[in-house]
Amino acid sequence: MFYRENGQFKTSYSADQQIFPITQDRLGVLILIALAFVAVPFWADEYVFRAILIPFLILSLAALGVNVLVGYCGQISLGSGAFMAVGAYAAYNWFVRVEGMPLIACLLLGGGFATLVGIFFGIPSLRVKGLYLAVATLAAQFFCDWAFLRVKWFTNDSASGTVSVSDLQVLGLPIQTPLQKYLFCLSFLVVFGVLTKNLVRSAIGREWMAIRDMDVAASVIGIRPMYAKLSAFAVSSFIVGVAGGLWGFVHLGSWEPAAFSVDRSFQLLFMVILGGMGSVMGSFFGAGFIVVLPIAINQVLPWAGDLVGIAVSTAALTHAEQMIFGALIVWFLIVEPHGLAKLWSVGKQKLRLWPFPH
């Protein structure tokens, strides 16, 4: 009864094109953002910040970038981990080689270099698609892994290949404590989330979806496939590159190329599949699912083992996590291929008719 748009009349074109045209949705998002900025810092402890909230925010941002390419433009990519690595190492080199370079500028410049790399490895999408494109983007992953491991310039001539950053600050404010890191990452996610939501509703966003649905028909009606595909690679790589910089600078603090291996690329792709392709909300759902699932398994399985008198080892937990995760992916692909975002959408549709039968 409380979730209906009855009586909400639009009197202008701008009002009809709002990001959230239903008042309840708009108020709900504003309340959620306000709670994230104001309420969460009061109840979350250091463990929750470090193990759940900060990884969730950064991976949500990365999944948002992957969703632009895979979900909205339909271009399968297995090189997201490489673009995260490019963003992290480019930001690192700006940070250590340019005296006084602001942190936000370093992260955005890292995203800019990831954009260039993404466009370069997105060129094969002009001729191939599907599995062949996935293999082509996988080459970016292997090339970046080799480059950051073997070319010492990228790691500032570090003998171990490990780089680290410290004394992070923005406008004179330190970014040191878990709370400060959380608010910093949350600000990035909110800004990029709003920008992405607007972008996919714009003309270029409709071109991406036209290419995804049927590229031949899209080219017939005047859409340039080269521009649409490469722009999707550019936007996606920029967002993923910024997320990579946040992952290295804010979450890890010290990292090596293995932090952005091919496993990271698969993880981001699974987030989009589970959360919902072609949905901004699905990126958040997928990231939350991936972050929370291992923690839930590590808590529940030992407890269940104690009830039946079976000791669960650390190795067994690792294997169980992989098995459960794989089974859930298969289940989602069969039962709900549109992911958690589709379930959320169905729930909202049913809520509009409640309590009447539907």
Protein backbone atom coordinates (compact mmCIF):
# COMPACT_ATOMS: atom_id res chain seq x y z
CA MET A 1 0.00 0.00 0.00
CA PHE A 2 2.87 2.38 0.78
CA TYR A 3 4.88 1.60 -2.37
CA ARG A 4 2.85 2.98 -5.25
CA GLU A 5 3.25 5.83 -7.65
CA ASN A 6 -0.45 6.71 -7.71
CA GLY A 7 -0.89 10.46 -7.74
CA GLN A 8 2.75 11.17 -8.57
CA PHE A 9 2.22 13.22 -11.73
CA LYS A 10 5.09 14.53 -13.84
CA THR A 11 4.62 18.03 -15.24
CA SER A 12 7.94 18.43 -17.07
CA TYR A 13 10.31 16.36 -19.18
CA SER A 14 13.11 16.71 -16.63
CA ALA A 15 10.85 15.38 -13.86
CA ASP A 16 9.89 12.42 -16.03
CA GLN A 17 13.57 11.62 -16.65
CA GLN A 18 14.67 11.56 -13.02
CA ILE A 19 17.04 8.79 -11.96
CA PHE A 20 14.44 7.60 -9.46
CA PRO A 21 11.03 8.72 -10.77
CA ILE A 22 9.12 7.11 -7.87
CA THR A 23 9.27 9.19 -4.70
CA GLN A 24 9.62 6.14 -2.44
CA ASP A 25 12.68 4.98 -4.38
CA ARG A 26 14.26 8.41 -4.23
CA LEU A 27 13.68 8.77 -0.50
CA GLY A 28 14.86 5.21 0.11
CA VAL A 29 18.18 5.82 -1.67
CA LEU A 30 18.74 9.12 0.14
CA ILE A 31 18.03 7.49 3.51
CA LEU A 32 20.36 4.59 2.66
CA ILE A 33 23.19 6.98 1.74
CA ALA A 34 22.59 9.03 4.89
CA LEU A 35 22.69 5.90 7.04
CA ALA A 36 25.91 4.78 5.34
CA PHE A 37 27.60 8.11 6.11
CA VAL A 38 26.13 8.82 9.55
CA ALA A 39 24.81 5.67 11.23
CA VAL A 40 27.27 2.97 10.14
CA PRO A 41 30.35 4.68 11.69
CA PHE A 42 28.67 4.51 15.13
CA TRP A 43 28.06 0.75 15.28
CA ALA A 44 30.76 -0.78 13.05
CA ASP A 45 33.99 -1.85 14.72
CA GLU A 46 37.45 -2.12 13.20
CA TYR A 47 36.94 -5.71 12.06
CA VAL A 48 33.71 -4.86 10.24
CA PHE A 49 35.38 -1.94 8.50
CA ARG A 50 38.48 -3.85 7.40
CA ALA A 51 36.97 -7.25 6.57
CA ILE A 52 33.54 -6.34 5.21
CA LEU A 53 32.69 -2.71 4.52
CA ILE A 54 35.85 -1.41 2.83
CA PRO A 55 36.29 -4.47 0.54
CA PHE A 56 32.58 -4.32 -0.25
CA LEU A 57 32.74 -0.65 -1.30
CA ILE A 58 35.83 -1.08 -3.49
CA LEU A 59 34.64 -4.30 -5.12
CA SER A 60 31.24 -2.70 -5.74
CA LEU A 61 32.99 0.07 -7.64
CA ALA A 62 35.00 -2.47 -9.66
CA ALA A 63 31.88 -4.54 -10.37
CA LEU A 64 30.16 -1.35 -11.50
CA GLY A 65 32.86 -0.86 -14.12
CA VAL A 66 32.68 -4.48 -15.26
CA ASN A 67 28.90 -4.24 -15.51
CA VAL A 68 29.22 -1.28 -17.90
CA LEU A 69 31.21 -3.44 -20.29
CA VAL A 70 29.68 -6.88 -19.78
CA GLY A 71 26.14 -6.09 -18.69
CA TYR A 72 25.29 -2.98 -20.68
CA CYS A 73 27.46 -3.40 -23.79
CA GLY A 74 27.59 -7.20 -23.90
CA GLN A 75 31.38 -7.44 -24.33
CA ILE A 76 32.76 -10.33 -22.28
CA SER A 77 35.99 -9.40 -20.51
CA LEU A 78 38.38 -11.48 -18.42
CA GLY A 79 40.96 -8.71 -18.05
CA SER A 80 39.38 -6.70 -15.24
CA GLY A 81 42.10 -7.69 -12.80
CA ALA A 82 44.69 -6.33 -15.22
CA PHE A 83 42.90 -2.98 -15.46
CA MET A 84 42.75 -2.84 -11.66
CA ALA A 85 46.50 -3.49 -11.58
CA VAL A 86 47.18 -0.75 -14.14
CA GLY A 87 45.15 1.72 -12.09
CA ALA A 88 46.93 0.75 -8.87
CA TYR A 89 50.48 0.85 -10.25
CA ALA A 90 49.90 4.01 -12.29
CA ALA A 91 48.52 5.77 -9.23
CA TYR A 92 51.45 4.48 -7.20
CA ASN A 93 54.01 5.88 -9.65
CA TRP A 94 52.31 9.26 -9.71
CA PHE A 95 52.24 9.20 -5.91
CA VAL A 96 55.92 8.39 -5.35
CA ARG A 97 57.50 10.14 -8.34
CA VAL A 98 55.66 13.48 -8.27
CA GLU A 99 56.20 15.39 -5.07
CA GLY A 100 53.00 16.67 -3.49
CA MET A 101 50.63 14.96 -5.93
CA PRO A 102 47.15 14.85 -4.33
CA LEU A 103 45.79 11.40 -3.57
CA ILE A 104 42.55 11.87 -5.50
CA ALA A 105 44.49 13.11 -8.54
CA CYS A 106 46.74 10.02 -8.37
CA LEU A 107 43.73 7.70 -8.30
CA LEU A 108 42.02 9.48 -11.20
CA LEU A 109 45.23 9.51 -13.24
CA GLY A 110 45.58 5.80 -12.52
CA GLY A 111 42.09 5.34 -13.91
CA GLY A 112 43.12 7.39 -16.95
CA PHE A 113 46.03 5.07 -17.72
CA ALA A 114 43.75 2.07 -17.23
CA THR A 115 41.45 3.68 -19.80
CA LEU A 116 44.24 3.76 -22.38
CA VAL A 117 45.14 0.13 -21.73
CA GLY A 118 41.47 -0.85 -21.86
CA ILE A 119 40.96 0.84 -25.22
CA PHE A 120 44.06 -0.87 -26.61
CA PHE A 121 42.95 -4.34 -25.54
CA GLY A 122 39.38 -3.51 -26.55
CA ILE A 123 40.35 -3.13 -30.20
CA PRO A 124 39.83 -6.88 -30.87
CA SER A 125 36.15 -6.37 -29.96
CA LEU A 126 35.74 -4.64 -33.32
CA ARG A 127 36.32 -7.95 -35.11
CA VAL A 128 35.57 -10.73 -32.62
CA LYS A 129 33.00 -11.33 -29.89
CA GLY A 130 31.89 -13.91 -27.38
CA LEU A 131 34.44 -16.51 -26.36
CA TYR A 132 37.06 -15.13 -28.75
CA LEU A 133 36.82 -11.68 -27.16
CA ALA A 134 37.10 -13.23 -23.70
CA VAL A 135 40.34 -14.92 -24.74
CA ALA A 136 41.62 -11.66 -26.23
CA THR A 137 40.98 -9.74 -23.00
CA LEU A 138 42.55 -12.58 -21.04
CA ALA A 139 45.76 -11.75 -22.91
CA ALA A 140 45.70 -8.35 -21.16
CA GLN A 141 45.69 -10.15 -17.83
CA PHE A 142 48.72 -12.28 -18.68
CA PHE A 143 50.61 -9.36 -20.21
CA CYS A 144 50.04 -7.08 -17.20
CA ASP A 145 50.98 -9.85 -14.78
CA TRP A 146 54.26 -10.29 -16.62
CA ALA A 147 54.96 -6.55 -16.96
CA PHE A 148 54.41 -5.65 -13.30
CA LEU A 149 56.40 -8.68 -12.17
CA ARG A 150 59.39 -8.29 -14.48
CA VAL A 151 59.69 -4.57 -15.29
CA LYS A 152 61.15 -3.07 -12.12
CA TRP A 153 60.34 0.52 -13.10
CA PHE A 154 56.67 -0.03 -12.35
CA THR A 155 57.50 -1.03 -8.76
CA ASN A 156 60.01 1.80 -8.29
CA ASP A 157 62.89 -0.70 -8.50
CA SER A 158 61.63 -2.74 -5.57
CA ALA A 159 63.71 -5.90 -5.19
CA SER A 160 60.81 -7.98 -3.88
CA GLY A 161 58.25 -6.60 -6.33
CA THR A 162 56.14 -5.36 -3.43
CA VAL A 163 55.12 -1.70 -3.24
CA SER A 164 53.60 0.20 -0.34
CA VAL A 165 52.12 3.60 0.38
CA SER A 166 51.72 5.53 3.61
CA ASP A 167 50.71 8.93 5.00
CA LEU A 168 47.60 9.18 2.84
CA GLN A 169 45.70 12.42 3.15
CA VAL A 170 43.12 14.45 1.26
CA LEU A 171 43.04 18.25 1.63
CA GLY A 172 45.18 17.92 4.73
CA LEU A 173 42.86 15.35 6.32
CA PRO A 174 44.54 11.99 7.05
CA ILE A 175 43.22 8.75 5.58
CA GLN A 176 44.63 6.37 8.18
CA THR A 177 41.97 4.90 10.44
CA PRO A 178 39.43 2.31 9.20
CA LEU A 179 36.63 4.86 9.61
CA GLN A 180 38.45 7.44 7.48
CA LYS A 181 39.17 4.83 4.81
CA TYR A 182 35.53 3.73 4.84
CA LEU A 183 34.20 7.26 4.34
CA PHE A 184 36.76 7.92 1.61
CA CYS A 185 35.78 4.79 -0.34
CA LEU A 186 32.07 5.43 0.25
CA SER A 187 32.40 8.92 -1.23
CA PHE A 188 34.00 7.49 -4.36
CA LEU A 189 31.30 4.84 -4.71
CA VAL A 190 28.42 7.29 -4.33
CA VAL A 191 29.87 9.70 -6.90
CA PHE A 192 30.70 7.02 -9.45
CA GLY A 193 27.41 5.24 -8.84
CA VAL A 194 25.39 8.36 -9.64
CA LEU A 195 27.54 9.15 -12.68
CA THR A 196 27.22 5.60 -14.01
CA LYS A 197 23.46 5.56 -13.47
CA ASN A 198 23.16 8.77 -15.47
CA LEU A 199 25.54 7.53 -18.15
CA VAL A 200 23.66 4.31 -18.88
CA ARG A 201 20.45 6.34 -19.26
CA SER A 202 22.06 8.72 -21.76
CA ALA A 203 22.47 8.39 -25.52
CA ILE A 204 25.76 6.48 -25.23
CA GLY A 205 24.15 4.10 -22.72
CA ARG A 206 21.36 3.33 -25.18
CA GLU A 207 23.97 2.72 -27.86
CA TRP A 208 25.73 0.22 -25.59
CA MET A 209 22.48 -1.66 -24.99
CA ALA A 210 21.67 -1.65 -28.71
CA ILE A 211 25.08 -3.18 -29.45
CA ARG A 212 24.50 -5.74 -26.71
CA ASP A 213 21.08 -6.78 -28.01
CA MET A 214 21.92 -6.96 -31.72
CA ASP A 215 25.02 -5.26 -33.11
CA VAL A 216 24.06 -5.72 -36.77
CA ALA A 217 20.69 -4.02 -36.29
CA ALA A 218 22.36 -1.27 -34.27
CA SER A 219 24.80 -0.51 -37.08
CA VAL A 220 21.93 -0.45 -39.58
CA ILE A 221 20.12 2.29 -37.67
CA GLY A 222 23.25 4.44 -37.54
CA ILE A 223 25.04 3.43 -34.35
CA ARG A 224 28.80 3.20 -34.83
CA PRO A 225 29.96 -0.11 -33.33
CA MET A 226 33.57 1.06 -33.03
CA TYR A 227 32.65 4.13 -31.01
CA ALA A 228 30.15 2.29 -28.82
CA LYS A 229 32.40 -0.67 -28.01
CA LEU A 230 35.59 1.32 -27.41
CA SER A 231 33.74 3.89 -25.30
CA ALA A 232 32.38 1.04 -23.16
CA PHE A 233 35.91 -0.32 -22.74
CA ALA A 234 37.14 3.18 -21.87
CA VAL A 235 34.49 3.92 -19.23
CA SER A 236 34.69 0.43 -17.76
CA SER A 237 38.49 0.46 -17.56
CA PHE A 238 38.50 3.91 -15.95
CA ILE A 239 36.12 2.86 -13.18
CA VAL A 240 37.93 -0.46 -12.65
CA GLY A 241 41.29 1.36 -12.63
CA VAL A 242 40.13 3.77 -9.92
CA ALA A 243 38.85 0.78 -7.94
CA GLY A 244 42.25 -0.85 -8.34
CA GLY A 245 43.93 2.24 -6.96
CA LEU A 246 41.60 2.23 -3.97
CA TRP A 247 42.20 -1.48 -3.44
CA GLY A 248 45.96 -0.98 -3.36
CA PHE A 249 46.17 2.36 -1.55
CA VAL A 250 43.30 2.13 0.93
CA HIS A 251 42.55 -1.55 1.52
CA LEU A 252 45.93 -3.25 1.15
CA GLY A 253 48.47 -0.47 1.70
CA SER A 254 51.16 -2.84 0.46
CA TRP A 255 50.68 -5.14 -2.51
CA GLU A 256 52.30 -7.21 -5.24
CA PRO A 257 51.10 -8.25 -8.74
CA ALA A 258 49.45 -11.38 -7.31
CA ALA A 259 46.85 -9.11 -5.69
CA PHE A 260 45.42 -8.49 -9.18
CA SER A 261 45.73 -11.97 -10.66
CA VAL A 262 43.30 -13.68 -13.02
CA ASP A 263 41.36 -14.84 -9.96
CA ARG A 264 40.38 -11.21 -9.40
CA SER A 265 39.06 -11.00 -12.97
CA PHE A 266 36.90 -14.08 -12.48
CA GLN A 267 35.71 -12.78 -9.12
CA LEU A 268 34.50 -9.52 -10.66
CA LEU A 269 32.78 -11.37 -13.50
CA PHE A 270 31.02 -13.64 -11.00
CA MET A 271 29.86 -10.58 -9.08
CA VAL A 272 28.15 -9.26 -12.20
CA ILE A 273 26.60 -12.64 -13.00
CA LEU A 274 25.26 -13.19 -9.49
CA GLY A 275 24.20 -9.60 -8.90
CA GLY A 276 22.58 -9.05 -12.28
CA MET A 277 24.00 -8.00 -15.63
CA GLY A 278 22.87 -4.64 -16.93
CA SER A 279 21.94 -3.36 -13.47
CA VAL A 280 23.72 -0.80 -11.30
CA MET A 281 22.00 -2.23 -8.24
CA GLY A 282 23.15 -5.70 -9.28
CA SER A 283 26.78 -4.61 -8.94
CA PHE A 284 26.18 -3.84 -5.25
CA PHE A 285 24.29 -7.07 -4.68
CA GLY A 286 27.00 -9.15 -6.33
CA ALA A 287 29.83 -7.50 -4.40
CA GLY A 288 27.98 -7.90 -1.12
CA PHE A 289 27.31 -11.56 -1.83
CA ILE A 290 30.95 -12.29 -2.70
CA VAL A 291 32.30 -10.45 0.36
CA VAL A 292 29.86 -11.83 2.91
CA LEU A 293 29.69 -15.46 1.69
CA PRO A 294 33.23 -16.54 2.73
CA ILE A 295 32.82 -14.92 6.16
CA ALA A 296 29.45 -16.64 6.65
CA ILE A 297 30.89 -20.01 5.63
CA ASN A 298 33.84 -19.62 8.00
CA GLN A 299 31.44 -18.90 10.85
CA VAL A 300 28.66 -21.39 10.11
CA LEU A 301 30.57 -24.52 9.10
CA PRO A 302 32.71 -24.81 12.28
CA TRP A 303 29.58 -24.23 14.35
CA ALA A 304 27.68 -26.92 12.42
CA GLY A 305 30.66 -29.26 12.72
CA ASP A 306 30.71 -28.84 16.49
CA LEU A 307 27.02 -29.75 16.67
CA VAL A 308 27.60 -33.12 14.97
CA GLY A 309 31.00 -33.72 16.52
CA ILE A 310 33.12 -33.18 13.39
CA ALA A 311 36.18 -30.96 13.45
CA VAL A 312 36.33 -28.67 10.40
CA SER A 313 39.89 -27.79 9.38
CA THR A 314 41.03 -24.64 7.63
CA ALA A 315 41.67 -26.57 4.41
CA ALA A 316 38.16 -28.02 4.56
CA LEU A 317 36.73 -24.51 4.94
CA THR A 318 38.63 -23.36 1.85
CA HIS A 319 37.39 -26.29 -0.22
CA ALA A 320 33.85 -25.91 1.06
CA GLU A 321 33.87 -22.21 0.18
CA GLN A 322 34.87 -22.96 -3.41
CA MET A 323 32.32 -25.77 -3.75
CA ILE A 324 29.45 -23.73 -2.32
CA PHE A 325 30.39 -20.71 -4.40
CA GLY A 326 30.49 -22.77 -7.62
CA ALA A 327 27.20 -24.47 -6.81
CA LEU A 328 25.53 -21.11 -6.19
CA ILE A 329 26.75 -19.77 -9.52
CA VAL A 330 25.29 -22.79 -11.34
CA TRP A 331 22.06 -22.45 -9.38
CA PHE A 332 21.68 -18.77 -10.23
CA LEU A 333 22.40 -19.37 -13.91
CA ILE A 334 19.66 -22.02 -14.03
CA VAL A 335 17.01 -20.57 -11.72
CA GLU A 336 17.50 -16.82 -12.10
CA PRO A 337 19.97 -15.90 -14.86
CA HIS A 338 19.28 -12.19 -14.31
CA GLY A 339 20.73 -12.37 -10.81
CA LEU A 340 19.80 -10.89 -7.47
CA ALA A 341 18.76 -7.59 -9.05
CA LYS A 342 15.92 -9.40 -10.83
CA LEU A 343 14.68 -10.83 -7.54
CA TRP A 344 14.78 -7.33 -6.07
CA SER A 345 12.80 -6.00 -9.04
CA VAL A 346 10.19 -8.77 -8.75
CA GLY A 347 9.86 -8.04 -5.04
CA LYS A 348 9.19 -4.37 -5.76
CA GLN A 349 6.56 -5.25 -8.37
CA LYS A 350 4.76 -7.50 -5.90
CA LEU A 351 4.96 -4.80 -3.25
CA ARG A 352 3.14 -2.39 -5.54
CA LEU A 353 0.09 -4.68 -5.58
CA TRP A 354 0.17 -5.78 -1.95
CA PRO A 355 -2.14 -6.77 -0.23
CA PHE A 356 -4.19 -7.55 -3.30
CA PRO A 357 -3.70 -10.90 -5.12
CA HIS A 358 -1.16 -10.97 -7.93
